[in-house]
Amino acid sequence: MNPNAAVAEQAAWLDRVLREKRTGPWTVLLMHQPLYSTGRNRDNRELREHLLPVIDSHGVDLVLQGHDHTYGRTYRLRAGRRVRSPKGGTVYVVSVAGPKQYPLNPLHRSLMARMIADRQLYQVIHVDHARLRFDAWTADGVHFDYFELRR
């Protein structure tokens, strides 16, 4: 199967799962490869082409990603652009916990609220019906980033 067909198949699967299985006030996706790559010399254009319409159409709140061995958090986005309203849009986060680190990719810098390289991080996410709070901490205990989404 060619890579473009595989991504199209994944998008169809994700659309079906979100349509049939969605429950609760929040929708959070976990993906390995990021839609907005933060690691140098990486760009996942095909993923954005196929998955962004699905994510946007289902009002996904948060997408957690890895693979790039850097940290980046977008502003709220819809169709690849910043959402100016405090409601709506999706936040995309890519993070790294291990010691292997990559240099930053400036390609999506304008979409990022926070970016950093050469830091191991972990996240704590508190969720209730009306609020989702995300905190990112460095491995040595420094509070690095946070945001809240509210219903």
N, C-alpha and C. Protein backbone atom coordinates (compact mmCIF):
# COMPACT_ATOMS: atom_id res chain seq x y z
N MET A 1 0.86 -1.18 0.00
CA MET A 1 0.00 0.00 0.00
C MET A 1 0.90 1.24 0.00
N ASN A 2 0.59 2.21 -0.85
CA ASN A 2 1.41 3.43 -0.87
C ASN A 2 1.11 4.27 0.37
N PRO A 3 2.10 5.08 0.79
CA PRO A 3 1.93 5.84 2.04
C PRO A 3 0.72 6.76 2.05
N ASN A 4 0.42 7.40 0.92
CA ASN A 4 -0.73 8.30 0.86
C ASN A 4 -2.03 7.53 1.08
N ALA A 5 -2.14 6.34 0.50
CA ALA A 5 -3.33 5.51 0.68
C ALA A 5 -3.45 5.05 2.14
N ALA A 6 -2.32 4.75 2.77
CA ALA A 6 -2.35 4.33 4.17
C ALA A 6 -2.85 5.45 5.07
N VAL A 7 -2.41 6.69 4.81
CA VAL A 7 -2.86 7.82 5.62
C VAL A 7 -4.35 8.07 5.36
N ALA A 8 -4.79 7.95 4.13
CA ALA A 8 -6.22 8.12 3.81
C ALA A 8 -7.05 7.06 4.54
N GLU A 9 -6.54 5.85 4.61
CA GLU A 9 -7.24 4.77 5.33
C GLU A 9 -7.30 5.08 6.83
N GLN A 10 -6.21 5.59 7.38
CA GLN A 10 -6.20 5.98 8.79
C GLN A 10 -7.21 7.10 9.06
N ALA A 11 -7.29 8.06 8.15
CA ALA A 11 -8.24 9.17 8.30
C ALA A 11 -9.68 8.66 8.28
N ALA A 12 -9.98 7.73 7.40
CA ALA A 12 -11.32 7.15 7.33
C ALA A 12 -11.63 6.39 8.62
N TRP A 13 -10.66 5.64 9.13
CA TRP A 13 -10.84 4.93 10.39
C TRP A 13 -11.10 5.90 11.53
N LEU A 14 -10.28 6.96 11.63
CA LEU A 14 -10.44 7.93 12.70
C LEU A 14 -11.80 8.62 12.62
N ASP A 15 -12.22 8.97 11.44
CA ASP A 15 -13.53 9.60 11.25
C ASP A 15 -14.64 8.68 11.76
N ARG A 16 -14.54 7.40 11.42
CA ARG A 16 -15.55 6.43 11.85
C ARG A 16 -15.54 6.27 13.38
N VAL A 17 -14.37 6.17 13.98
CA VAL A 17 -14.27 6.00 15.43
C VAL A 17 -14.83 7.23 16.15
N LEU A 18 -14.46 8.41 15.70
CA LEU A 18 -14.96 9.63 16.36
C LEU A 18 -16.47 9.78 16.19
N ARG A 19 -17.00 9.36 15.07
CA ARG A 19 -18.44 9.45 14.82
C ARG A 19 -19.21 8.45 15.68
N GLU A 20 -18.68 7.24 15.83
CA GLU A 20 -19.42 6.16 16.48
C GLU A 20 -19.15 6.03 17.98
N LYS A 21 -17.99 6.37 18.43
CA LYS A 21 -17.58 6.03 19.79
C LYS A 21 -17.45 7.22 20.73
N ARG A 22 -17.65 8.39 20.28
CA ARG A 22 -17.39 9.57 21.10
C ARG A 22 -18.38 9.68 22.25
N THR A 23 -17.84 9.81 23.46
CA THR A 23 -18.64 10.05 24.66
C THR A 23 -17.90 11.06 25.52
N GLY A 24 -18.60 11.74 26.38
CA GLY A 24 -17.98 12.67 27.30
C GLY A 24 -17.75 14.04 26.70
N PRO A 25 -17.35 15.00 27.54
CA PRO A 25 -17.22 16.38 27.09
C PRO A 25 -15.93 16.69 26.33
N TRP A 26 -14.90 15.84 26.45
CA TRP A 26 -13.60 16.13 25.85
C TRP A 26 -13.20 15.05 24.86
N THR A 27 -12.52 15.47 23.81
CA THR A 27 -11.96 14.51 22.86
C THR A 27 -10.46 14.76 22.78
N VAL A 28 -9.70 13.75 23.17
CA VAL A 28 -8.24 13.82 23.16
C VAL A 28 -7.73 12.67 22.30
N LEU A 29 -6.86 12.98 21.35
CA LEU A 29 -6.24 11.96 20.51
C LEU A 29 -4.79 11.79 20.91
N LEU A 30 -4.28 10.58 20.77
CA LEU A 30 -2.88 10.27 20.99
C LEU A 30 -2.34 9.70 19.69
N MET A 31 -1.30 10.35 19.17
CA MET A 31 -0.70 9.93 17.90
C MET A 31 0.81 9.88 18.07
N HIS A 32 1.46 9.07 17.28
CA HIS A 32 2.91 9.03 17.37
C HIS A 32 3.55 10.18 16.60
N GLN A 33 3.30 10.27 15.32
CA GLN A 33 3.94 11.32 14.51
C GLN A 33 3.10 12.59 14.55
N PRO A 34 3.75 13.73 14.78
CA PRO A 34 3.00 14.98 14.94
C PRO A 34 2.56 15.59 13.61
N LEU A 35 1.42 16.25 13.67
CA LEU A 35 0.95 16.96 12.49
C LEU A 35 1.78 18.22 12.23
N TYR A 36 2.23 18.86 13.30
CA TYR A 36 3.07 20.05 13.20
C TYR A 36 4.42 19.70 13.81
N SER A 37 5.33 19.21 13.00
CA SER A 37 6.60 18.69 13.48
C SER A 37 7.46 19.78 14.11
N THR A 38 8.07 19.44 15.23
CA THR A 38 8.97 20.35 15.92
C THR A 38 10.43 19.92 15.79
N GLY A 39 10.69 18.74 15.25
CA GLY A 39 12.06 18.27 15.06
C GLY A 39 12.59 18.70 13.70
N ARG A 40 13.83 19.15 13.67
CA ARG A 40 14.44 19.67 12.45
C ARG A 40 14.33 18.66 11.30
N ASN A 41 14.09 19.21 10.12
CA ASN A 41 14.02 18.45 8.86
C ASN A 41 12.87 17.46 8.83
N ARG A 42 11.80 17.76 9.56
CA ARG A 42 10.62 16.89 9.52
C ARG A 42 9.40 17.73 9.14
N ASP A 43 8.55 17.15 8.34
CA ASP A 43 7.28 17.78 8.01
C ASP A 43 6.32 16.68 7.59
N ASN A 44 5.19 16.63 8.22
CA ASN A 44 4.20 15.58 7.96
C ASN A 44 3.01 16.15 7.21
N ARG A 45 3.27 16.69 6.05
CA ARG A 45 2.24 17.33 5.22
C ARG A 45 1.09 16.38 4.90
N GLU A 46 1.41 15.13 4.57
CA GLU A 46 0.34 14.16 4.24
C GLU A 46 -0.57 13.90 5.42
N LEU A 47 0.00 13.85 6.63
CA LEU A 47 -0.84 13.67 7.81
C LEU A 47 -1.80 14.84 7.96
N ARG A 48 -1.28 16.06 7.80
CA ARG A 48 -2.16 17.24 7.91
C ARG A 48 -3.23 17.22 6.82
N GLU A 49 -2.84 16.89 5.62
CA GLU A 49 -3.78 16.88 4.49
C GLU A 49 -4.98 15.96 4.75
N HIS A 50 -4.71 14.80 5.32
CA HIS A 50 -5.77 13.81 5.52
C HIS A 50 -6.44 13.88 6.89
N LEU A 51 -5.67 14.19 7.94
CA LEU A 51 -6.22 14.11 9.29
C LEU A 51 -6.81 15.42 9.80
N LEU A 52 -6.29 16.57 9.37
CA LEU A 52 -6.83 17.84 9.86
C LEU A 52 -8.33 17.99 9.59
N PRO A 53 -8.80 17.67 8.39
CA PRO A 53 -10.26 17.80 8.18
C PRO A 53 -11.08 16.93 9.14
N VAL A 54 -10.58 15.75 9.47
CA VAL A 54 -11.29 14.86 10.40
C VAL A 54 -11.26 15.45 11.80
N ILE A 55 -10.08 15.87 12.24
CA ILE A 55 -9.93 16.44 13.58
C ILE A 55 -10.81 17.68 13.72
N ASP A 56 -10.77 18.56 12.73
CA ASP A 56 -11.59 19.77 12.77
C ASP A 56 -13.07 19.47 12.75
N SER A 57 -13.49 18.53 11.93
CA SER A 57 -14.93 18.26 11.80
C SER A 57 -15.52 17.65 13.06
N HIS A 58 -14.70 17.00 13.87
CA HIS A 58 -15.19 16.38 15.10
C HIS A 58 -14.88 17.21 16.34
N GLY A 59 -14.32 18.39 16.17
CA GLY A 59 -14.08 19.27 17.30
C GLY A 59 -13.14 18.68 18.35
N VAL A 60 -12.09 18.01 17.91
CA VAL A 60 -11.12 17.44 18.84
C VAL A 60 -10.50 18.58 19.65
N ASP A 61 -10.35 18.36 20.95
CA ASP A 61 -9.82 19.39 21.84
C ASP A 61 -8.30 19.39 21.91
N LEU A 62 -7.70 18.21 22.01
CA LEU A 62 -6.27 18.10 22.27
C LEU A 62 -5.71 16.90 21.52
N VAL A 63 -4.55 17.09 20.89
CA VAL A 63 -3.85 16.00 20.21
C VAL A 63 -2.46 15.90 20.84
N LEU A 64 -2.18 14.75 21.46
CA LEU A 64 -0.88 14.48 22.10
C LEU A 64 -0.05 13.65 21.14
N GLN A 65 1.22 14.07 20.93
CA GLN A 65 2.06 13.45 19.91
C GLN A 65 3.49 13.30 20.41
N GLY A 66 4.27 12.49 19.73
CA GLY A 66 5.67 12.28 20.07
C GLY A 66 6.55 12.33 18.85
N HIS A 67 7.50 11.44 18.75
CA HIS A 67 8.34 11.18 17.60
C HIS A 67 9.46 12.19 17.35
N ASP A 68 9.25 13.46 17.62
CA ASP A 68 10.23 14.47 17.19
C ASP A 68 11.29 14.81 18.23
N HIS A 69 11.22 14.28 19.42
CA HIS A 69 12.25 14.46 20.46
C HIS A 69 12.53 15.94 20.75
N THR A 70 11.47 16.72 20.78
CA THR A 70 11.47 18.13 21.14
C THR A 70 10.12 18.40 21.80
N TYR A 71 9.92 19.63 22.28
CA TYR A 71 8.62 20.01 22.84
C TYR A 71 8.05 21.15 22.02
N GLY A 72 6.78 21.05 21.70
CA GLY A 72 6.07 22.15 21.04
C GLY A 72 4.60 22.07 21.36
N ARG A 73 4.01 23.23 21.65
CA ARG A 73 2.57 23.32 21.87
C ARG A 73 2.03 24.43 20.99
N THR A 74 1.03 24.08 20.21
CA THR A 74 0.42 25.08 19.34
C THR A 74 -0.57 25.93 20.11
N TYR A 75 -0.91 27.05 19.51
CA TYR A 75 -2.11 27.78 19.91
C TYR A 75 -3.29 26.92 19.50
N ARG A 76 -4.49 27.34 19.80
CA ARG A 76 -5.68 26.64 19.29
C ARG A 76 -5.71 26.85 17.77
N LEU A 77 -5.88 25.74 17.05
CA LEU A 77 -5.85 25.79 15.59
C LEU A 77 -7.11 25.18 14.98
N ARG A 78 -7.47 25.68 13.85
CA ARG A 78 -8.50 25.08 13.00
C ARG A 78 -8.06 25.30 11.56
N ALA A 79 -8.03 24.23 10.77
CA ALA A 79 -7.61 24.28 9.38
C ALA A 79 -6.20 24.87 9.25
N GLY A 80 -5.35 24.59 10.23
CA GLY A 80 -3.97 25.04 10.16
C GLY A 80 -3.74 26.50 10.48
N ARG A 81 -4.77 27.16 11.03
CA ARG A 81 -4.65 28.58 11.38
C ARG A 81 -5.06 28.80 12.82
N ARG A 82 -4.49 29.84 13.42
CA ARG A 82 -4.83 30.17 14.80
C ARG A 82 -6.29 30.58 14.92
N VAL A 83 -6.93 30.10 15.98
CA VAL A 83 -8.30 30.47 16.31
C VAL A 83 -8.21 31.60 17.33
N ARG A 84 -8.83 32.71 17.05
CA ARG A 84 -8.72 33.87 17.94
C ARG A 84 -9.68 33.80 19.12
N SER A 85 -10.74 33.03 19.00
CA SER A 85 -11.70 32.89 20.08
C SER A 85 -11.13 32.01 21.18
N PRO A 86 -11.49 32.27 22.45
CA PRO A 86 -11.03 31.40 23.53
C PRO A 86 -11.70 30.02 23.50
N LYS A 87 -12.70 29.85 22.66
CA LYS A 87 -13.37 28.55 22.53
C LYS A 87 -13.19 28.04 21.11
N GLY A 88 -13.12 26.74 20.99
CA GLY A 88 -12.97 26.12 19.68
C GLY A 88 -11.51 25.96 19.30
N GLY A 89 -11.29 25.17 18.28
CA GLY A 89 -9.94 24.89 17.84
C GLY A 89 -9.32 23.75 18.63
N THR A 90 -8.21 23.26 18.13
CA THR A 90 -7.50 22.11 18.70
C THR A 90 -6.11 22.54 19.11
N VAL A 91 -5.65 22.07 20.26
CA VAL A 91 -4.27 22.28 20.70
C VAL A 91 -3.50 21.00 20.38
N TYR A 92 -2.34 21.16 19.75
CA TYR A 92 -1.46 20.05 19.40
C TYR A 92 -0.19 20.16 20.25
N VAL A 93 0.17 19.06 20.93
CA VAL A 93 1.37 19.04 21.76
C VAL A 93 2.24 17.88 21.32
N VAL A 94 3.52 18.15 21.12
CA VAL A 94 4.51 17.10 20.90
C VAL A 94 5.52 17.23 22.03
N SER A 95 5.93 16.08 22.61
CA SER A 95 6.84 16.14 23.73
C SER A 95 7.81 14.97 23.69
N VAL A 96 8.83 15.07 24.53
CA VAL A 96 9.85 14.03 24.64
C VAL A 96 10.17 13.82 26.11
N ALA A 97 10.24 12.56 26.52
CA ALA A 97 10.60 12.23 27.90
C ALA A 97 12.00 11.63 28.00
N GLY A 98 12.48 11.04 26.92
CA GLY A 98 13.77 10.36 26.95
C GLY A 98 14.95 11.28 26.71
N PRO A 99 16.16 10.73 26.80
CA PRO A 99 17.37 11.55 26.68
C PRO A 99 17.75 11.91 25.24
N LYS A 100 17.22 11.21 24.25
CA LYS A 100 17.55 11.52 22.86
C LYS A 100 16.82 12.82 22.46
N GLN A 101 17.57 13.79 21.96
CA GLN A 101 17.01 15.10 21.66
C GLN A 101 17.35 15.51 20.22
N TYR A 102 16.47 16.29 19.60
CA TYR A 102 16.70 16.82 18.25
C TYR A 102 16.69 18.34 18.29
N PRO A 103 17.31 18.99 17.30
CA PRO A 103 17.19 20.45 17.17
C PRO A 103 15.77 20.82 16.75
N LEU A 104 15.39 22.07 17.01
CA LEU A 104 14.05 22.53 16.66
C LEU A 104 13.88 22.78 15.16
N ASN A 105 12.66 22.62 14.73
CA ASN A 105 12.25 22.89 13.36
C ASN A 105 11.50 24.22 13.35
N PRO A 106 11.96 25.22 12.61
CA PRO A 106 11.27 26.51 12.59
C PRO A 106 10.04 26.54 11.68
N LEU A 107 9.76 25.47 10.97
CA LEU A 107 8.70 25.47 9.95
C LEU A 107 7.34 25.95 10.47
N HIS A 108 6.94 25.51 11.65
CA HIS A 108 5.62 25.85 12.20
C HIS A 108 5.72 26.80 13.38
N ARG A 109 6.80 27.53 13.49
CA ARG A 109 7.04 28.41 14.63
C ARG A 109 5.89 29.38 14.88
N SER A 110 5.30 29.90 13.83
CA SER A 110 4.22 30.89 14.00
C SER A 110 2.97 30.29 14.63
N LEU A 111 2.84 28.97 14.62
CA LEU A 111 1.68 28.30 15.20
C LEU A 111 1.92 27.86 16.65
N MET A 112 3.16 27.98 17.11
CA MET A 112 3.55 27.46 18.42
C MET A 112 3.46 28.51 19.51
N ALA A 113 2.80 28.15 20.60
CA ALA A 113 2.78 29.00 21.79
C ALA A 113 4.05 28.79 22.61
N ARG A 114 4.58 27.56 22.61
CA ARG A 114 5.82 27.24 23.33
C ARG A 114 6.59 26.19 22.53
N MET A 115 7.92 26.33 22.51
CA MET A 115 8.81 25.34 21.90
C MET A 115 10.10 25.30 22.70
N ILE A 116 10.70 24.11 22.77
CA ILE A 116 12.02 24.00 23.39
C ILE A 116 12.66 22.70 22.93
N ALA A 117 13.98 22.74 22.84
CA ALA A 117 14.77 21.54 22.53
C ALA A 117 15.68 21.26 23.71
N ASP A 118 16.26 20.08 23.71
CA ASP A 118 17.23 19.67 24.73
C ASP A 118 16.66 19.68 26.14
N ARG A 119 15.39 19.29 26.27
CA ARG A 119 14.78 19.17 27.60
C ARG A 119 13.91 17.91 27.63
N GLN A 120 14.05 17.15 28.69
CA GLN A 120 13.16 16.03 28.93
C GLN A 120 11.97 16.57 29.72
N LEU A 121 10.76 16.23 29.28
CA LEU A 121 9.56 16.74 29.93
C LEU A 121 8.57 15.63 30.21
N TYR A 122 7.72 15.90 31.16
CA TYR A 122 6.55 15.05 31.39
C TYR A 122 5.35 15.97 31.59
N GLN A 123 4.17 15.40 31.41
CA GLN A 123 2.94 16.19 31.48
C GLN A 123 2.00 15.62 32.52
N VAL A 124 1.24 16.53 33.12
CA VAL A 124 0.16 16.16 34.04
C VAL A 124 -1.10 16.82 33.49
N ILE A 125 -2.13 16.04 33.29
CA ILE A 125 -3.38 16.55 32.73
C ILE A 125 -4.50 16.28 33.72
N HIS A 126 -5.18 17.34 34.14
CA HIS A 126 -6.34 17.23 35.03
C HIS A 126 -7.58 17.50 34.18
N VAL A 127 -8.56 16.61 34.28
CA VAL A 127 -9.76 16.73 33.47
C VAL A 127 -10.98 16.62 34.35
N ASP A 128 -11.91 17.55 34.20
CA ASP A 128 -13.25 17.39 34.75
C ASP A 128 -14.23 17.81 33.68
N HIS A 129 -15.49 17.88 34.02
CA HIS A 129 -16.50 18.15 33.01
C HIS A 129 -16.31 19.50 32.33
N ALA A 130 -15.92 20.52 33.09
CA ALA A 130 -15.86 21.88 32.55
C ALA A 130 -14.46 22.37 32.22
N ARG A 131 -13.41 21.63 32.64
CA ARG A 131 -12.06 22.16 32.47
C ARG A 131 -11.06 21.05 32.21
N LEU A 132 -10.14 21.31 31.29
CA LEU A 132 -8.99 20.44 31.04
C LEU A 132 -7.76 21.31 31.25
N ARG A 133 -6.92 20.93 32.23
CA ARG A 133 -5.69 21.68 32.51
C ARG A 133 -4.50 20.79 32.18
N PHE A 134 -3.57 21.35 31.42
CA PHE A 134 -2.37 20.66 30.97
C PHE A 134 -1.16 21.38 31.55
N ASP A 135 -0.29 20.63 32.23
CA ASP A 135 0.95 21.18 32.76
C ASP A 135 2.11 20.34 32.23
N ALA A 136 3.17 21.01 31.79
CA ALA A 136 4.39 20.33 31.35
C ALA A 136 5.51 20.71 32.31
N TRP A 137 6.23 19.71 32.78
CA TRP A 137 7.32 19.87 33.73
C TRP A 137 8.60 19.29 33.14
N THR A 138 9.73 19.95 33.43
CA THR A 138 11.00 19.36 33.03
C THR A 138 11.33 18.22 33.99
N ALA A 139 12.21 17.34 33.54
CA ALA A 139 12.57 16.18 34.36
C ALA A 139 13.17 16.59 35.70
N ASP A 140 13.75 17.79 35.77
CA ASP A 140 14.31 18.26 37.05
C ASP A 140 13.33 19.11 37.85
N GLY A 141 12.04 19.07 37.49
CA GLY A 141 10.99 19.65 38.32
C GLY A 141 10.63 21.10 38.07
N VAL A 142 11.06 21.67 36.96
CA VAL A 142 10.71 23.06 36.65
C VAL A 142 9.41 23.08 35.85
N HIS A 143 8.45 23.89 36.30
CA HIS A 143 7.19 24.04 35.58
C HIS A 143 7.45 24.84 34.30
N PHE A 144 7.29 24.19 33.16
CA PHE A 144 7.68 24.79 31.89
C PHE A 144 6.51 25.40 31.11
N ASP A 145 5.36 24.74 31.12
CA ASP A 145 4.25 25.18 30.26
C ASP A 145 2.93 24.75 30.87
N TYR A 146 1.89 25.51 30.57
CA TYR A 146 0.54 25.09 30.95
C TYR A 146 -0.48 25.80 30.07
N PHE A 147 -1.65 25.21 30.01
CA PHE A 147 -2.80 25.86 29.40
C PHE A 147 -4.05 25.19 29.95
N GLU A 148 -5.16 25.88 29.79
CA GLU A 148 -6.46 25.34 30.18
C GLU A 148 -7.42 25.46 29.01
N LEU A 149 -8.24 24.46 28.87
CA LEU A 149 -9.37 24.49 27.96
C LEU A 149 -10.62 24.43 28.82
N ARG A 150 -11.60 25.23 28.49
CA ARG A 150 -12.84 25.27 29.27
C ARG A 150 -14.05 25.06 28.39
N ARG A 151 -15.06 24.44 28.97
CA ARG A 151 -16.34 24.25 28.29
C ARG A 151 -17.25 25.40 28.64
